[in-house]
Amino acid sequence: MLCFDIYPRVLQLQIEEIISSIHKGALRGSETYPYKIRRTLSEESETRIMLNLSNYQIPEAKAEELEKARMQFKASLIKVLKARFII
């Protein structure tokens, strides 16, 4: 059990690095990543690992909106490329 006790602290440090990178613009397109990581870790650890995202400046709804817009743009771009270049 001692080994498991360190995981939440290490994961918190890692998520803080990811958040910092997103804020700096180095991980553009990954705005929903912290929320997805927190949700997955919480579910898979049966809520034993709960990451703190209080210093994340992008609200979850805004992050999902950005991801949806990016996916729509990508779909439109593919459609145009297929029509233009017969891919």
PDB file of N, CA and C in Angstrom:
ATOM      1  N   MET A   1       0.817  -1.195   0.000  1.00  0.00           N
ATOM      2  CA  MET A   1       0.000   0.000   0.000  1.00  0.00           C
ATOM      3  C   MET A   1       0.862   1.262   0.000  1.00  0.00           C
ATOM      4  N   LEU A   2       2.046   1.178   0.532  1.00  0.00           N
ATOM      5  CA  LEU A   2       2.938   2.334   0.588  1.00  0.00           C
ATOM      6  C   LEU A   2       3.201   2.891  -0.803  1.00  0.00           C
ATOM      7  N   CYS A   3       3.389   2.015  -1.767  1.00  0.00           N
ATOM      8  CA  CYS A   3       3.654   2.449  -3.132  1.00  0.00           C
ATOM      9  C   CYS A   3       2.459   3.217  -3.689  1.00  0.00           C
ATOM     10  N   PHE A   4       1.241   2.747  -3.417  1.00  0.00           N
ATOM     11  CA  PHE A   4       0.051   3.413  -3.942  1.00  0.00           C
ATOM     12  C   PHE A   4      -0.108   4.812  -3.342  1.00  0.00           C
ATOM     13  N   ASP A   5       0.346   5.013  -2.131  1.00  0.00           N
ATOM     14  CA  ASP A   5       0.207   6.313  -1.470  1.00  0.00           C
ATOM     15  C   ASP A   5       0.926   7.436  -2.206  1.00  0.00           C
ATOM     16  N   ILE A   6       1.976   7.121  -2.915  1.00  0.00           N
ATOM     17  CA  ILE A   6       2.746   8.153  -3.617  1.00  0.00           C
ATOM     18  C   ILE A   6       2.135   8.503  -4.977  1.00  0.00           C
ATOM     19  N   TYR A   7       1.359   7.612  -5.578  1.00  0.00           N
ATOM     20  CA  TYR A   7       0.788   7.858  -6.902  1.00  0.00           C
ATOM     21  C   TYR A   7      -0.015   9.150  -7.000  1.00  0.00           C
ATOM     22  N   PRO A   8      -0.957   9.410  -6.088  1.00  0.00           N
ATOM     23  CA  PRO A   8      -1.732  10.648  -6.225  1.00  0.00           C
ATOM     24  C   PRO A   8      -0.864  11.907  -6.232  1.00  0.00           C
ATOM     25  N   ARG A   9       0.167  11.938  -5.399  1.00  0.00           N
ATOM     26  CA  ARG A   9       1.056  13.119  -5.357  1.00  0.00           C
ATOM     27  C   ARG A   9       1.843  13.272  -6.650  1.00  0.00           C
ATOM     28  N   VAL A  10       2.350  12.173  -7.162  1.00  0.00           N
ATOM     29  CA  VAL A  10       3.115  12.211  -8.411  1.00  0.00           C
ATOM     30  C   VAL A  10       2.202  12.606  -9.570  1.00  0.00           C
ATOM     31  N   LEU A  11       1.016  12.042  -9.614  1.00  0.00           N
ATOM     32  CA  LEU A  11       0.066  12.374 -10.674  1.00  0.00           C
ATOM     33  C   LEU A  11      -0.359  13.837 -10.597  1.00  0.00           C
ATOM     34  N   GLN A  12      -0.518  14.369  -9.378  1.00  0.00           N
ATOM     35  CA  GLN A  12      -0.870  15.777  -9.224  1.00  0.00           C
ATOM     36  C   GLN A  12       0.233  16.676  -9.784  1.00  0.00           C
ATOM     37  N   LEU A  13       1.468  16.330  -9.513  1.00  0.00           N
ATOM     38  CA  LEU A  13       2.595  17.102 -10.061  1.00  0.00           C
ATOM     39  C   LEU A  13       2.606  17.032 -11.587  1.00  0.00           C
ATOM     40  N   GLN A  14       2.320  15.861 -12.123  1.00  0.00           N
ATOM     41  CA  GLN A  14       2.311  15.711 -13.580  1.00  0.00           C
ATOM     42  C   GLN A  14       1.178  16.503 -14.218  1.00  0.00           C
ATOM     43  N   ILE A  15      -0.007  16.489 -13.608  1.00  0.00           N
ATOM     44  CA  ILE A  15      -1.124  17.234 -14.189  1.00  0.00           C
ATOM     45  C   ILE A  15      -0.858  18.731 -14.107  1.00  0.00           C
ATOM     46  N   GLU A  16      -0.163  19.174 -13.071  1.00  0.00           N
ATOM     47  CA  GLU A  16       0.187  20.587 -12.962  1.00  0.00           C
ATOM     48  C   GLU A  16       1.160  21.000 -14.066  1.00  0.00           C
ATOM     49  N   GLU A  17       2.055  20.106 -14.452  1.00  0.00           N
ATOM     50  CA  GLU A  17       2.957  20.374 -15.577  1.00  0.00           C
ATOM     51  C   GLU A  17       2.175  20.463 -16.890  1.00  0.00           C
ATOM     52  N   ILE A  18       1.215  19.571 -17.056  1.00  0.00           N
ATOM     53  CA  ILE A  18       0.379  19.596 -18.260  1.00  0.00           C
ATOM     54  C   ILE A  18      -0.417  20.887 -18.316  1.00  0.00           C
ATOM     55  N   ILE A  19      -1.008  21.275 -17.196  1.00  0.00           N
ATOM     56  CA  ILE A  19      -1.789  22.517 -17.128  1.00  0.00           C
ATOM     57  C   ILE A  19      -0.910  23.713 -17.466  1.00  0.00           C
ATOM     58  N   SER A  20       0.280  23.743 -16.924  1.00  0.00           N
ATOM     59  CA  SER A  20       1.215  24.833 -17.201  1.00  0.00           C
ATOM     60  C   SER A  20       1.539  24.898 -18.693  1.00  0.00           C
ATOM     61  N   SER A  21       1.758  23.755 -19.300  1.00  0.00           N
ATOM     62  CA  SER A  21       2.056  23.712 -20.738  1.00  0.00           C
ATOM     63  C   SER A  21       0.869  24.191 -21.571  1.00  0.00           C
ATOM     64  N   ILE A  22      -0.333  23.832 -21.161  1.00  0.00           N
ATOM     65  CA  ILE A  22      -1.535  24.295 -21.875  1.00  0.00           C
ATOM     66  C   ILE A  22      -1.651  25.803 -21.752  1.00  0.00           C
ATOM     67  N   HIS A  23      -1.441  26.336 -20.557  1.00  0.00           N
ATOM     68  CA  HIS A  23      -1.529  27.784 -20.344  1.00  0.00           C
ATOM     69  C   HIS A  23      -0.487  28.544 -21.176  1.00  0.00           C
ATOM     70  N   LYS A  24       0.677  27.943 -21.372  1.00  0.00           N
ATOM     71  CA  LYS A  24       1.731  28.581 -22.170  1.00  0.00           C
ATOM     72  C   LYS A  24       1.494  28.439 -23.671  1.00  0.00           C
ATOM     73  N   GLY A  25       0.511  27.615 -24.055  1.00  0.00           N
ATOM     74  CA  GLY A  25       0.211  27.409 -25.472  1.00  0.00           C
ATOM     75  C   GLY A  25       0.985  26.279 -26.114  1.00  0.00           C
ATOM     76  N   ALA A  26       1.746  25.545 -25.330  1.00  0.00           N
ATOM     77  CA  ALA A  26       2.566  24.471 -25.872  1.00  0.00           C
ATOM     78  C   ALA A  26       1.754  23.221 -26.213  1.00  0.00           C
ATOM     79  N   LEU A  27       0.555  23.099 -25.645  1.00  0.00           N
ATOM     80  CA  LEU A  27      -0.287  21.934 -25.916  1.00  0.00           C
ATOM     81  C   LEU A  27      -1.632  22.374 -26.483  1.00  0.00           C
ATOM     82  N   ARG A  28      -1.582  23.292 -27.408  1.00  0.00           N
ATOM     83  CA  ARG A  28      -2.814  23.780 -28.030  1.00  0.00           C
ATOM     84  C   ARG A  28      -3.569  22.602 -28.626  1.00  0.00           C
ATOM     85  N   GLY A  29      -4.855  22.551 -28.358  1.00  0.00           N
ATOM     86  CA  GLY A  29      -5.668  21.442 -28.826  1.00  0.00           C
ATOM     87  C   GLY A  29      -5.872  20.368 -27.766  1.00  0.00           C
ATOM     88  N   SER A  30      -5.277  20.567 -26.609  1.00  0.00           N
ATOM     89  CA  SER A  30      -5.402  19.582 -25.526  1.00  0.00           C
ATOM     90  C   SER A  30      -6.126  20.164 -24.316  1.00  0.00           C
ATOM     91  N   GLU A  31      -6.994  21.117 -24.556  1.00  0.00           N
ATOM     92  CA  GLU A  31      -7.648  21.817 -23.449  1.00  0.00           C
ATOM     93  C   GLU A  31      -8.535  20.905 -22.594  1.00  0.00           C
ATOM     94  N   THR A  32      -9.085  19.848 -23.176  1.00  0.00           N
ATOM     95  CA  THR A  32      -9.940  18.943 -22.401  1.00  0.00           C
ATOM     96  C   THR A  32      -9.129  17.855 -21.691  1.00  0.00           C
ATOM     97  N   TYR A  33      -7.865  17.752 -22.002  1.00  0.00           N
ATOM     98  CA  TYR A  33      -7.013  16.685 -21.474  1.00  0.00           C
ATOM     99  C   TYR A  33      -7.029  16.598 -19.940  1.00  0.00           C
ATOM    100  N   PRO A  34      -6.829  17.713 -19.199  1.00  0.00           N
ATOM    101  CA  PRO A  34      -6.852  17.594 -17.730  1.00  0.00           C
ATOM    102  C   PRO A  34      -8.173  17.033 -17.196  1.00  0.00           C
ATOM    103  N   TYR A  35      -9.288  17.433 -17.781  1.00  0.00           N
ATOM    104  CA  TYR A  35     -10.585  16.935 -17.328  1.00  0.00           C
ATOM    105  C   TYR A  35     -10.738  15.448 -17.628  1.00  0.00           C
ATOM    106  N   LYS A  36     -10.281  15.039 -18.791  1.00  0.00           N
ATOM    107  CA  LYS A  36     -10.369  13.623 -19.164  1.00  0.00           C
ATOM    108  C   LYS A  36      -9.473  12.766 -18.265  1.00  0.00           C
ATOM    109  N   ILE A  37      -8.281  13.264 -17.972  1.00  0.00           N
ATOM    110  CA  ILE A  37      -7.361  12.532 -17.090  1.00  0.00           C
ATOM    111  C   ILE A  37      -7.974  12.403 -15.700  1.00  0.00           C
ATOM    112  N   ARG A  38      -8.488  13.518 -15.161  1.00  0.00           N
ATOM    113  CA  ARG A  38      -9.084  13.488 -13.814  1.00  0.00           C
ATOM    114  C   ARG A  38     -10.249  12.494 -13.762  1.00  0.00           C
ATOM    115  N   ARG A  39     -11.118  12.548 -14.767  1.00  0.00           N
ATOM    116  CA  ARG A  39     -12.286  11.656 -14.797  1.00  0.00           C
ATOM    117  C   ARG A  39     -11.855  10.189 -14.874  1.00  0.00           C
ATOM    118  N   THR A  40     -10.921   9.888 -15.760  1.00  0.00           N
ATOM    119  CA  THR A  40     -10.469   8.510 -15.938  1.00  0.00           C
ATOM    120  C   THR A  40      -9.783   7.976 -14.687  1.00  0.00           C
ATOM    121  N   LEU A  41      -8.894   8.765 -14.102  1.00  0.00           N
ATOM    122  CA  LEU A  41      -8.198   8.309 -12.897  1.00  0.00           C
ATOM    123  C   LEU A  41      -9.170   8.100 -11.741  1.00  0.00           C
ATOM    124  N   SER A  42     -10.128   8.985 -11.625  1.00  0.00           N
ATOM    125  CA  SER A  42     -11.123   8.847 -10.566  1.00  0.00           C
ATOM    126  C   SER A  42     -11.929   7.564 -10.740  1.00  0.00           C
ATOM    127  N   GLU A  43     -12.380   7.312 -11.963  1.00  0.00           N
ATOM    128  CA  GLU A  43     -13.175   6.105 -12.230  1.00  0.00           C
ATOM    129  C   GLU A  43     -12.361   4.830 -12.045  1.00  0.00           C
ATOM    130  N   GLU A  44     -11.174   4.813 -12.619  1.00  0.00           N
ATOM    131  CA  GLU A  44     -10.360   3.591 -12.581  1.00  0.00           C
ATOM    132  C   GLU A  44      -9.799   3.286 -11.188  1.00  0.00           C
ATOM    133  N   SER A  45      -9.602   4.310 -10.381  1.00  0.00           N
ATOM    134  CA  SER A  45      -9.079   4.090  -9.025  1.00  0.00           C
ATOM    135  C   SER A  45     -10.205   3.993  -8.002  1.00  0.00           C
ATOM    136  N   GLU A  46     -11.444   3.975  -8.492  1.00  0.00           N
ATOM    137  CA  GLU A  46     -12.615   3.945  -7.616  1.00  0.00           C
ATOM    138  C   GLU A  46     -12.585   5.119  -6.636  1.00  0.00           C
ATOM    139  N   THR A  47     -12.327   6.290  -7.157  1.00  0.00           N
ATOM    140  CA  THR A  47     -12.245   7.602  -6.470  1.00  0.00           C
ATOM    141  C   THR A  47     -11.118   7.696  -5.434  1.00  0.00           C
ATOM    142  N   ARG A  48     -10.151   6.818  -5.491  1.00  0.00           N
ATOM    143  CA  ARG A  48      -9.002   6.944  -4.590  1.00  0.00           C
ATOM    144  C   ARG A  48      -8.035   8.015  -5.084  1.00  0.00           C
ATOM    145  N   ILE A  49      -8.069   8.314  -6.378  1.00  0.00           N
ATOM    146  CA  ILE A  49      -7.211   9.363  -6.935  1.00  0.00           C
ATOM    147  C   ILE A  49      -8.125  10.460  -7.471  1.00  0.00           C
ATOM    148  N   MET A  50      -8.067  11.607  -6.829  1.00  0.00           N
ATOM    149  CA  MET A  50      -8.865  12.766  -7.230  1.00  0.00           C
ATOM    150  C   MET A  50      -7.895  13.925  -7.470  1.00  0.00           C
ATOM    151  N   LEU A  51      -7.693  14.279  -8.724  1.00  0.00           N
ATOM    152  CA  LEU A  51      -6.768  15.355  -9.049  1.00  0.00           C
ATOM    153  C   LEU A  51      -7.414  16.712  -8.804  1.00  0.00           C
ATOM    154  N   ASN A  52      -6.617  17.661  -8.354  1.00  0.00           N
ATOM    155  CA  ASN A  52      -7.065  19.029  -8.115  1.00  0.00           C
ATOM    156  C   ASN A  52      -6.744  19.853  -9.367  1.00  0.00           C
ATOM    157  N   LEU A  53      -7.780  20.392  -9.992  1.00  0.00           N
ATOM    158  CA  LEU A  53      -7.591  21.217 -11.184  1.00  0.00           C
ATOM    159  C   LEU A  53      -7.921  22.683 -10.905  1.00  0.00           C
ATOM    160  N   SER A  54      -7.841  23.099  -9.654  1.00  0.00           N
ATOM    161  CA  SER A  54      -8.250  24.459  -9.286  1.00  0.00           C
ATOM    162  C   SER A  54      -7.400  25.548  -9.938  1.00  0.00           C
ATOM    163  N   ASN A  55      -6.173  25.239 -10.322  1.00  0.00           N
ATOM    164  CA  ASN A  55      -5.337  26.257 -10.968  1.00  0.00           C
ATOM    165  C   ASN A  55      -5.476  26.236 -12.494  1.00  0.00           C
ATOM    166  N   TYR A  56      -6.374  25.391 -13.020  1.00  0.00           N
ATOM    167  CA  TYR A  56      -6.608  25.339 -14.466  1.00  0.00           C
ATOM    168  C   TYR A  56      -7.550  26.476 -14.842  1.00  0.00           C
ATOM    169  N   GLN A  57      -7.126  27.314 -15.758  1.00  0.00           N
ATOM    170  CA  GLN A  57      -7.854  28.547 -16.073  1.00  0.00           C
ATOM    171  C   GLN A  57      -8.936  28.394 -17.141  1.00  0.00           C
ATOM    172  N   ILE A  58      -9.050  27.229 -17.728  1.00  0.00           N
ATOM    173  CA  ILE A  58     -10.049  27.017 -18.779  1.00  0.00           C
ATOM    174  C   ILE A  58     -11.185  26.172 -18.204  1.00  0.00           C
ATOM    175  N   PRO A  59     -12.384  26.751 -18.102  1.00  0.00           N
ATOM    176  CA  PRO A  59     -13.513  25.968 -17.583  1.00  0.00           C
ATOM    177  C   PRO A  59     -13.812  24.769 -18.486  1.00  0.00           C
ATOM    178  N   GLU A  60     -14.360  23.732 -17.903  1.00  0.00           N
ATOM    179  CA  GLU A  60     -14.607  22.503 -18.657  1.00  0.00           C
ATOM    180  C   GLU A  60     -15.521  22.739 -19.863  1.00  0.00           C
ATOM    181  N   ALA A  61     -16.555  23.544 -19.691  1.00  0.00           N
ATOM    182  CA  ALA A  61     -17.479  23.814 -20.800  1.00  0.00           C
ATOM    183  C   ALA A  61     -16.755  24.508 -21.955  1.00  0.00           C
ATOM    184  N   LYS A  62     -15.866  25.453 -21.636  1.00  0.00           N
ATOM    185  CA  LYS A  62     -15.104  26.166 -22.662  1.00  0.00           C
ATOM    186  C   LYS A  62     -14.138  25.216 -23.367  1.00  0.00           C
ATOM    187  N   ALA A  63     -13.489  24.327 -22.609  1.00  0.00           N
ATOM    188  CA  ALA A  63     -12.563  23.355 -23.191  1.00  0.00           C
ATOM    189  C   ALA A  63     -13.296  22.432 -24.150  1.00  0.00           C
ATOM    190  N   GLU A  64     -14.485  21.981 -23.766  1.00  0.00           N
ATOM    191  CA  GLU A  64     -15.271  21.113 -24.644  1.00  0.00           C
ATOM    192  C   GLU A  64     -15.730  21.860 -25.889  1.00  0.00           C
ATOM    193  N   GLU A  65     -16.068  23.136 -25.725  1.00  0.00           N
ATOM    194  CA  GLU A  65     -16.465  23.970 -26.867  1.00  0.00           C
ATOM    195  C   GLU A  65     -15.307  24.110 -27.856  1.00  0.00           C
ATOM    196  N   LEU A  66     -14.109  24.340 -27.358  1.00  0.00           N
ATOM    197  CA  LEU A  66     -12.928  24.448 -28.216  1.00  0.00           C
ATOM    198  C   LEU A  66     -12.672  23.139 -28.958  1.00  0.00           C
ATOM    199  N   GLU A  67     -12.810  22.027 -28.254  1.00  0.00           N
ATOM    200  CA  GLU A  67     -12.582  20.728 -28.887  1.00  0.00           C
ATOM    201  C   GLU A  67     -13.624  20.467 -29.975  1.00  0.00           C
ATOM    202  N   LYS A  68     -14.870  20.791 -29.709  1.00  0.00           N
ATOM    203  CA  LYS A  68     -15.933  20.596 -30.697  1.00  0.00           C
ATOM    204  C   LYS A  68     -15.674  21.449 -31.944  1.00  0.00           C
ATOM    205  N   ALA A  69     -15.301  22.707 -31.739  1.00  0.00           N
ATOM    206  CA  ALA A  69     -15.013  23.604 -32.870  1.00  0.00           C
ATOM    207  C   ALA A  69     -13.836  23.083 -33.687  1.00  0.00           C
ATOM    208  N   ARG A  70     -12.821  22.573 -33.017  1.00  0.00           N
ATOM    209  CA  ARG A  70     -11.641  22.042 -33.699  1.00  0.00           C
ATOM    210  C   ARG A  70     -12.007  20.803 -34.529  1.00  0.00           C
ATOM    211  N   MET A  71     -12.854  19.958 -33.981  1.00  0.00           N
ATOM    212  CA  MET A  71     -13.265  18.752 -34.704  1.00  0.00           C
ATOM    213  C   MET A  71     -14.123  19.111 -35.914  1.00  0.00           C
ATOM    214  N   GLN A  72     -14.981  20.129 -35.777  1.00  0.00           N
ATOM    215  CA  GLN A  72     -15.796  20.578 -36.904  1.00  0.00           C
ATOM    216  C   GLN A  72     -14.914  21.164 -38.007  1.00  0.00           C
ATOM    217  N   PHE A  73     -13.920  21.942 -37.611  1.00  0.00           N
ATOM    218  CA  PHE A  73     -12.992  22.517 -38.581  1.00  0.00           C
ATOM    219  C   PHE A  73     -12.242  21.411 -39.321  1.00  0.00           C
ATOM    220  N   LYS A  74     -11.773  20.422 -38.570  1.00  0.00           N
ATOM    221  CA  LYS A  74     -11.033  19.313 -39.172  1.00  0.00           C
ATOM    222  C   LYS A  74     -11.912  18.565 -40.177  1.00  0.00           C
ATOM    223  N   ALA A  75     -13.166  18.318 -39.810  1.00  0.00           N
ATOM    224  CA  ALA A  75     -14.091  17.615 -40.712  1.00  0.00           C
ATOM    225  C   ALA A  75     -14.328  18.440 -41.975  1.00  0.00           C
ATOM    226  N   SER A  76     -14.480  19.753 -41.818  1.00  0.00           N
ATOM    227  CA  SER A  76     -14.687  20.633 -42.976  1.00  0.00           C
ATOM    228  C   SER A  76     -13.465  20.636 -43.885  1.00  0.00           C
ATOM    229  N   LEU A  77     -12.298  20.701 -43.284  1.00  0.00           N
ATOM    230  CA  LEU A  77     -11.059  20.706 -44.053  1.00  0.00           C
ATOM    231  C   LEU A  77     -10.907  19.411 -44.848  1.00  0.00           C
ATOM    232  N   ILE A  78     -11.189  18.301 -44.220  1.00  0.00           N
ATOM    233  CA  ILE A  78     -11.093  17.014 -44.912  1.00  0.00           C
ATOM    234  C   ILE A  78     -12.077  16.963 -46.069  1.00  0.00           C
ATOM    235  N   LYS A  79     -13.274  17.468 -45.841  1.00  0.00           N
ATOM    236  CA  LYS A  79     -14.298  17.486 -46.894  1.00  0.00           C
ATOM    237  C   LYS A  79     -13.832  18.314 -48.095  1.00  0.00           C
ATOM    238  N   VAL A  80     -13.254  19.482 -47.830  1.00  0.00           N
ATOM    239  CA  VAL A  80     -12.758  20.346 -48.902  1.00  0.00           C
ATOM    240  C   VAL A  80     -11.610  19.675 -49.647  1.00  0.00           C
ATOM    241  N   LEU A  81     -10.688  19.083 -48.895  1.00  0.00           N
ATOM    242  CA  LEU A  81      -9.555  18.416 -49.527  1.00  0.00           C
ATOM    243  C   LEU A  81     -10.001  17.248 -50.395  1.00  0.00           C
ATOM    244  N   LYS A  82     -10.971  16.488 -49.908  1.00  0.00           N
ATOM    245  CA  LYS A  82     -11.480  15.371 -50.699  1.00  0.00           C
ATOM    246  C   LYS A  82     -12.131  15.861 -51.980  1.00  0.00           C
ATOM    247  N   ALA A  83     -12.903  16.924 -51.895  1.00  0.00           N
ATOM    248  CA  ALA A  83     -13.595  17.468 -53.070  1.00  0.00           C
ATOM    249  C   ALA A  83     -12.598  18.053 -54.067  1.00  0.00           C
ATOM    250  N   ARG A  84     -11.585  18.699 -53.557  1.00  0.00           N
ATOM    251  CA  ARG A  84     -10.625  19.380 -54.405  1.00  0.00           C
ATOM    252  C   ARG A  84      -9.596  18.428 -55.016  1.00  0.00           C
ATOM    253  N   PHE A  85      -9.137  17.485 -54.226  1.00  0.00           N
ATOM    254  CA  PHE A  85      -8.055  16.609 -54.680  1.00  0.00           C
ATOM    255  C   PHE A  85      -8.488  15.165 -54.881  1.00  0.00           C
ATOM    256  N   ILE A  86      -9.755  14.910 -54.755  1.00  0.00           N
ATOM    257  CA  ILE A  86     -10.333  13.577 -54.940  1.00  0.00           C
ATOM    258  C   ILE A  86      -9.535  12.534 -54.149  1.00  0.00           C
ATOM    259  N   ILE A  87      -9.488  12.773 -52.851  1.00  0.00           N
ATOM    260  CA  ILE A  87      -8.756  11.861 -51.959  1.00  0.00           C
ATOM    261  C   ILE A  87      -9.622  10.653 -51.672  1.00  0.00           C
TER     262      ILE A  87
END
